[in-house]
Amino acid sequence: MQSAITTSVLFDLLIAFATFNVRLCVERRTLGTRNFIICILVSRLVAFAAGFPLFLFFRERQKQLGH
């Protein structure tokens, strides 16, 4: 039996993961990079906590190379 706290935390993580996927697709179109598929795979296969920093790293690297 799950407690209300566990359910709330799980719901928050699911919303954060869904938002991350939408943001990832928007950034991919904006910056035009192909490395973001790696972030989705890492997020789904390893953990969201590993995919999000990887996304930020790729995004900053792409911005520096593009500008």
PDB file of N, CA and C in Angstrom:
ATOM      1  N   MET A   1       0.822  -1.178   0.000  1.00  0.00           N
ATOM      2  CA  MET A   1       0.000   0.000   0.000  1.00  0.00           C
ATOM      3  C   MET A   1       0.871   1.247   0.000  1.00  0.00           C
ATOM      4  N   GLN A   2       0.595   2.143  -0.904  1.00  0.00           N
ATOM      5  CA  GLN A   2       1.377   3.361  -1.022  1.00  0.00           C
ATOM      6  C   GLN A   2       0.783   4.452  -0.148  1.00  0.00           C
ATOM      7  N   SER A   3       1.665   5.230   0.415  1.00  0.00           N
ATOM      8  CA  SER A   3       1.190   6.354   1.211  1.00  0.00           C
ATOM      9  C   SER A   3       0.921   7.547   0.299  1.00  0.00           C
ATOM     10  N   ALA A   4       0.292   8.550   0.830  1.00  0.00           N
ATOM     11  CA  ALA A   4      -0.016   9.758   0.055  1.00  0.00           C
ATOM     12  C   ALA A   4       1.259  10.499  -0.340  1.00  0.00           C
ATOM     13  N   ILE A   5       2.264  10.441   0.509  1.00  0.00           N
ATOM     14  CA  ILE A   5       3.534  11.119   0.213  1.00  0.00           C
ATOM     15  C   ILE A   5       4.224  10.445  -0.970  1.00  0.00           C
ATOM     16  N   THR A   6       4.264   9.134  -0.988  1.00  0.00           N
ATOM     17  CA  THR A   6       4.890   8.401  -2.078  1.00  0.00           C
ATOM     18  C   THR A   6       4.169   8.660  -3.395  1.00  0.00           C
ATOM     19  N   THR A   7       2.875   8.672  -3.351  1.00  0.00           N
ATOM     20  CA  THR A   7       2.081   8.943  -4.549  1.00  0.00           C
ATOM     21  C   THR A   7       2.333  10.351  -5.064  1.00  0.00           C
ATOM     22  N   SER A   8       2.423  11.302  -4.157  1.00  0.00           N
ATOM     23  CA  SER A   8       2.669  12.692  -4.540  1.00  0.00           C
ATOM     24  C   SER A   8       4.047  12.861  -5.173  1.00  0.00           C
ATOM     25  N   VAL A   9       5.053  12.243  -4.588  1.00  0.00           N
ATOM     26  CA  VAL A   9       6.413  12.335  -5.136  1.00  0.00           C
ATOM     27  C   VAL A   9       6.476  11.678  -6.509  1.00  0.00           C
ATOM     28  N   LEU A  10       5.858  10.531  -6.665  1.00  0.00           N
ATOM     29  CA  LEU A  10       5.837   9.847  -7.955  1.00  0.00           C
ATOM     30  C   LEU A  10       5.147  10.704  -9.016  1.00  0.00           C
ATOM     31  N   PHE A  11       4.037  11.309  -8.660  1.00  0.00           N
ATOM     32  CA  PHE A  11       3.310  12.180  -9.581  1.00  0.00           C
ATOM     33  C   PHE A  11       4.162  13.383  -9.985  1.00  0.00           C
ATOM     34  N   ASP A  12       4.876  13.977  -9.031  1.00  0.00           N
ATOM     35  CA  ASP A  12       5.763  15.101  -9.334  1.00  0.00           C
ATOM     36  C   ASP A  12       6.883  14.693 -10.290  1.00  0.00           C
ATOM     37  N   LEU A  13       7.453  13.521 -10.073  1.00  0.00           N
ATOM     38  CA  LEU A  13       8.518  13.049 -10.960  1.00  0.00           C
ATOM     39  C   LEU A  13       7.997  12.757 -12.362  1.00  0.00           C
ATOM     40  N   LEU A  14       6.808  12.220 -12.468  1.00  0.00           N
ATOM     41  CA  LEU A  14       6.232  11.962 -13.788  1.00  0.00           C
ATOM     42  C   LEU A  14       5.963  13.264 -14.536  1.00  0.00           C
ATOM     43  N   ILE A  15       5.492  14.277 -13.850  1.00  0.00           N
ATOM     44  CA  ILE A  15       5.266  15.578 -14.485  1.00  0.00           C
ATOM     45  C   ILE A  15       6.595  16.189 -14.917  1.00  0.00           C
ATOM     46  N   ALA A  16       7.611  16.095 -14.067  1.00  0.00           N
ATOM     47  CA  ALA A  16       8.932  16.628 -14.421  1.00  0.00           C
ATOM     48  C   ALA A  16       9.513  15.903 -15.627  1.00  0.00           C
ATOM     49  N   PHE A  17       9.359  14.594 -15.691  1.00  0.00           N
ATOM     50  CA  PHE A  17       9.878  13.819 -16.819  1.00  0.00           C
ATOM     51  C   PHE A  17       9.141  14.161 -18.111  1.00  0.00           C
ATOM     52  N   ALA A  18       7.835  14.325 -18.034  1.00  0.00           N
ATOM     53  CA  ALA A  18       7.061  14.697 -19.224  1.00  0.00           C
ATOM     54  C   ALA A  18       7.449  16.093 -19.704  1.00  0.00           C
ATOM     55  N   THR A  19       7.616  17.014 -18.784  1.00  0.00           N
ATOM     56  CA  THR A  19       8.037  18.371 -19.137  1.00  0.00           C
ATOM     57  C   THR A  19       9.429  18.363 -19.760  1.00  0.00           C
ATOM     58  N   PHE A  20      10.312  17.549 -19.217  1.00  0.00           N
ATOM     59  CA  PHE A  20      11.661  17.420 -19.754  1.00  0.00           C
ATOM     60  C   PHE A  20      11.630  16.926 -21.196  1.00  0.00           C
ATOM     61  N   ASN A  21      10.788  15.943 -21.491  1.00  0.00           N
ATOM     62  CA  ASN A  21      10.699  15.425 -22.860  1.00  0.00           C
ATOM     63  C   ASN A  21      10.175  16.471 -23.829  1.00  0.00           C
ATOM     64  N   VAL A  22       9.200  17.247 -23.409  1.00  0.00           N
ATOM     65  CA  VAL A  22       8.682  18.322 -24.269  1.00  0.00           C
ATOM     66  C   VAL A  22       9.763  19.374 -24.496  1.00  0.00           C
ATOM     67  N   ARG A  23      10.422  19.785 -23.434  1.00  0.00           N
ATOM     68  CA  ARG A  23      11.488  20.793 -23.543  1.00  0.00           C
ATOM     69  C   ARG A  23      12.622  20.297 -24.436  1.00  0.00           C
ATOM     70  N   LEU A  24      12.918  19.026 -24.325  1.00  0.00           N
ATOM     71  CA  LEU A  24      13.976  18.432 -25.140  1.00  0.00           C
ATOM     72  C   LEU A  24      13.635  18.513 -26.623  1.00  0.00           C
ATOM     73  N   CYS A  25      12.403  18.213 -26.974  1.00  0.00           N
ATOM     74  CA  CYS A  25      11.976  18.282 -28.375  1.00  0.00           C
ATOM     75  C   CYS A  25      12.007  19.716 -28.895  1.00  0.00           C
ATOM     76  N   VAL A  26      11.602  20.662 -28.073  1.00  0.00           N
ATOM     77  CA  VAL A  26      11.626  22.074 -28.481  1.00  0.00           C
ATOM     78  C   VAL A  26      13.061  22.552 -28.685  1.00  0.00           C
ATOM     79  N   GLU A  27      13.936  22.225 -27.762  1.00  0.00           N
ATOM     80  CA  GLU A  27      15.343  22.628 -27.875  1.00  0.00           C
ATOM     81  C   GLU A  27      16.012  21.963 -29.070  1.00  0.00           C
ATOM     82  N   ARG A  28      15.638  20.728 -29.348  1.00  0.00           N
ATOM     83  CA  ARG A  28      16.240  20.023 -30.485  1.00  0.00           C
ATOM     84  C   ARG A  28      15.904  20.740 -31.785  1.00  0.00           C
ATOM     85  N   ARG A  29      14.662  21.187 -31.907  1.00  0.00           N
ATOM     86  CA  ARG A  29      14.266  21.917 -33.116  1.00  0.00           C
ATOM     87  C   ARG A  29      14.921  23.283 -33.184  1.00  0.00           C
ATOM     88  N   THR A  30      15.042  23.935 -32.045  1.00  0.00           N
ATOM     89  CA  THR A  30      15.623  25.274 -32.005  1.00  0.00           C
ATOM     90  C   THR A  30      17.113  25.248 -32.327  1.00  0.00           C
ATOM     91  N   LEU A  31      17.845  24.350 -31.684  1.00  0.00           N
ATOM     92  CA  LEU A  31      19.295  24.311 -31.863  1.00  0.00           C
ATOM     93  C   LEU A  31      19.730  23.416 -33.012  1.00  0.00           C
ATOM     94  N   GLY A  32      18.867  22.502 -33.415  1.00  0.00           N
ATOM     95  CA  GLY A  32      19.180  21.650 -34.553  1.00  0.00           C
ATOM     96  C   GLY A  32      20.285  20.647 -34.300  1.00  0.00           C
ATOM     97  N   THR A  33      20.348  20.087 -33.132  1.00  0.00           N
ATOM     98  CA  THR A  33      21.381  19.098 -32.843  1.00  0.00           C
ATOM     99  C   THR A  33      20.781  17.699 -32.800  1.00  0.00           C
ATOM    100  N   ARG A  34      21.598  16.713 -33.006  1.00  0.00           N
ATOM    101  CA  ARG A  34      21.112  15.338 -33.019  1.00  0.00           C
ATOM    102  C   ARG A  34      21.532  14.565 -31.768  1.00  0.00           C
ATOM    103  N   ASN A  35      22.257  15.182 -30.849  1.00  0.00           N
ATOM    104  CA  ASN A  35      22.703  14.492 -29.638  1.00  0.00           C
ATOM    105  C   ASN A  35      21.602  14.333 -28.595  1.00  0.00           C
ATOM    106  N   PHE A  36      20.487  15.002 -28.778  1.00  0.00           N
ATOM    107  CA  PHE A  36      19.454  14.977 -27.757  1.00  0.00           C
ATOM    108  C   PHE A  36      18.751  13.631 -27.663  1.00  0.00           C
ATOM    109  N   ILE A  37      18.829  12.803 -28.683  1.00  0.00           N
ATOM    110  CA  ILE A  37      18.238  11.470 -28.606  1.00  0.00           C
ATOM    111  C   ILE A  37      18.968  10.637 -27.555  1.00  0.00           C
ATOM    112  N   ILE A  38      20.235  10.919 -27.366  1.00  0.00           N
ATOM    113  CA  ILE A  38      21.008  10.244 -26.321  1.00  0.00           C
ATOM    114  C   ILE A  38      20.434  10.580 -24.956  1.00  0.00           C
ATOM    115  N   CYS A  39      20.024  11.822 -24.764  1.00  0.00           N
ATOM    116  CA  CYS A  39      19.444  12.241 -23.483  1.00  0.00           C
ATOM    117  C   CYS A  39      18.149  11.500 -23.195  1.00  0.00           C
ATOM    118  N   ILE A  40      17.330  11.321 -24.202  1.00  0.00           N
ATOM    119  CA  ILE A  40      16.080  10.592 -24.010  1.00  0.00           C
ATOM    120  C   ILE A  40      16.366   9.139 -23.641  1.00  0.00           C
ATOM    121  N   LEU A  41      17.301   8.526 -24.340  1.00  0.00           N
ATOM    122  CA  LEU A  41      17.639   7.138 -24.042  1.00  0.00           C
ATOM    123  C   LEU A  41      18.214   6.978 -22.638  1.00  0.00           C
ATOM    124  N   VAL A  42      19.109   7.869 -22.260  1.00  0.00           N
ATOM    125  CA  VAL A  42      19.694   7.802 -20.914  1.00  0.00           C
ATOM    126  C   VAL A  42      18.615   8.021 -19.855  1.00  0.00           C
ATOM    127  N   SER A  43      17.717   8.956 -20.106  1.00  0.00           N
ATOM    128  CA  SER A  43      16.644   9.227 -19.142  1.00  0.00           C
ATOM    129  C   SER A  43      15.732   8.034 -18.953  1.00  0.00           C
ATOM    130  N   ARG A  44      15.459   7.344 -20.010  1.00  0.00           N
ATOM    131  CA  ARG A  44      14.540   6.207 -19.914  1.00  0.00           C
ATOM    132  C   ARG A  44      15.228   4.927 -19.455  1.00  0.00           C
ATOM    133  N   LEU A  45      16.488   4.728 -19.852  1.00  0.00           N
ATOM    134  CA  LEU A  45      17.180   3.489 -19.513  1.00  0.00           C
ATOM    135  C   LEU A  45      17.930   3.555 -18.183  1.00  0.00           C
ATOM    136  N   VAL A  46      18.482   4.709 -17.861  1.00  0.00           N
ATOM    137  CA  VAL A  46      19.268   4.843 -16.628  1.00  0.00           C
ATOM    138  C   VAL A  46      18.438   5.548 -15.570  1.00  0.00           C
ATOM    139  N   ALA A  47      18.280   6.869 -15.739  1.00  0.00           N
ATOM    140  CA  ALA A  47      17.495   7.640 -14.774  1.00  0.00           C
ATOM    141  C   ALA A  47      17.308   9.053 -15.303  1.00  0.00           C
ATOM    142  N   PHE A  48      16.226   9.649 -14.887  1.00  0.00           N
ATOM    143  CA  PHE A  48      15.960  11.053 -15.217  1.00  0.00           C
ATOM    144  C   PHE A  48      17.062  11.939 -14.659  1.00  0.00           C
ATOM    145  N   ALA A  49      17.599  11.567 -13.499  1.00  0.00           N
ATOM    146  CA  ALA A  49      18.655  12.351 -12.859  1.00  0.00           C
ATOM    147  C   ALA A  49      19.962  12.312 -13.649  1.00  0.00           C
ATOM    148  N   ALA A  50      20.123  11.362 -14.540  1.00  0.00           N
ATOM    149  CA  ALA A  50      21.309  11.308 -15.395  1.00  0.00           C
ATOM    150  C   ALA A  50      21.058  11.980 -16.740  1.00  0.00           C
ATOM    151  N   GLY A  51      19.836  11.886 -17.243  1.00  0.00           N
ATOM    152  CA  GLY A  51      19.516  12.447 -18.553  1.00  0.00           C
ATOM    153  C   GLY A  51      19.419  13.961 -18.559  1.00  0.00           C
ATOM    154  N   PHE A  52      18.895  14.541 -17.497  1.00  0.00           N
ATOM    155  CA  PHE A  52      18.726  15.994 -17.463  1.00  0.00           C
ATOM    156  C   PHE A  52      20.061  16.740 -17.444  1.00  0.00           C
ATOM    157  N   PRO A  53      21.034  16.371 -16.600  1.00  0.00           N
ATOM    158  CA  PRO A  53      22.337  17.047 -16.674  1.00  0.00           C
ATOM    159  C   PRO A  53      23.040  16.847 -18.020  1.00  0.00           C
ATOM    160  N   LEU A  54      22.849  15.677 -18.608  1.00  0.00           N
ATOM    161  CA  LEU A  54      23.427  15.426 -19.925  1.00  0.00           C
ATOM    162  C   LEU A  54      22.813  16.352 -20.957  1.00  0.00           C
ATOM    163  N   PHE A  55      21.500  16.558 -20.880  1.00  0.00           N
ATOM    164  CA  PHE A  55      20.802  17.496 -21.749  1.00  0.00           C
ATOM    165  C   PHE A  55      21.367  18.913 -21.587  1.00  0.00           C
ATOM    166  N   LEU A  56      21.553  19.351 -20.348  1.00  0.00           N
ATOM    167  CA  LEU A  56      22.089  20.688 -20.104  1.00  0.00           C
ATOM    168  C   LEU A  56      23.502  20.831 -20.655  1.00  0.00           C
ATOM    169  N   PHE A  57      24.309  19.772 -20.518  1.00  0.00           N
ATOM    170  CA  PHE A  57      25.664  19.797 -21.061  1.00  0.00           C
ATOM    171  C   PHE A  57      25.648  19.934 -22.579  1.00  0.00           C
ATOM    172  N   PHE A  58      24.854  19.108 -23.258  1.00  0.00           N
ATOM    173  CA  PHE A  58      24.762  19.181 -24.721  1.00  0.00           C
ATOM    174  C   PHE A  58      24.224  20.534 -25.186  1.00  0.00           C
ATOM    175  N   ARG A  59      23.253  21.064 -24.453  1.00  0.00           N
ATOM    176  CA  ARG A  59      22.657  22.349 -24.825  1.00  0.00           C
ATOM    177  C   ARG A  59      23.678  23.471 -24.729  1.00  0.00           C
ATOM    178  N   GLU A  60      24.433  23.517 -23.648  1.00  0.00           N
ATOM    179  CA  GLU A  60      25.445  24.560 -23.486  1.00  0.00           C
ATOM    180  C   GLU A  60      26.573  24.403 -24.499  1.00  0.00           C
ATOM    181  N   ARG A  61      26.968  23.176 -24.761  1.00  0.00           N
ATOM    182  CA  ARG A  61      28.020  22.951 -25.757  1.00  0.00           C
ATOM    183  C   ARG A  61      27.576  23.391 -27.147  1.00  0.00           C
ATOM    184  N   GLN A  62      26.319  23.099 -27.481  1.00  0.00           N
ATOM    185  CA  GLN A  62      25.782  23.497 -28.784  1.00  0.00           C
ATOM    186  C   GLN A  62      25.686  25.015 -28.893  1.00  0.00           C
ATOM    187  N   LYS A  63      25.294  25.670 -27.824  1.00  0.00           N
ATOM    188  CA  LYS A  63      25.213  27.137 -27.835  1.00  0.00           C
ATOM    189  C   LYS A  63      26.575  27.764 -28.021  1.00  0.00           C
ATOM    190  N   GLN A  64      27.600  27.201 -27.371  1.00  0.00           N
ATOM    191  CA  GLN A  64      28.955  27.742 -27.510  1.00  0.00           C
ATOM    192  C   GLN A  64      29.508  27.510 -28.912  1.00  0.00           C
ATOM    193  N   LEU A  65      29.210  26.371 -29.508  1.00  0.00           N
ATOM    194  CA  LEU A  65      29.695  26.084 -30.847  1.00  0.00           C
ATOM    195  C   LEU A  65      28.945  26.887 -31.902  1.00  0.00           C
ATOM    196  N   GLY A  66      27.675  27.151 -31.623  1.00  0.00           N
ATOM    197  CA  GLY A  66      26.852  27.871 -32.594  1.00  0.00           C
ATOM    198  C   GLY A  66      27.063  29.358 -32.604  1.00  0.00           C
ATOM    199  N   HIS A  67      27.473  29.913 -31.471  1.00  0.00           N
ATOM    200  CA  HIS A  67      27.624  31.374 -31.385  1.00  0.00           C
ATOM    201  C   HIS A  67      29.027  31.777 -31.307  1.00  0.00           C
TER     202      HIS A  67
END
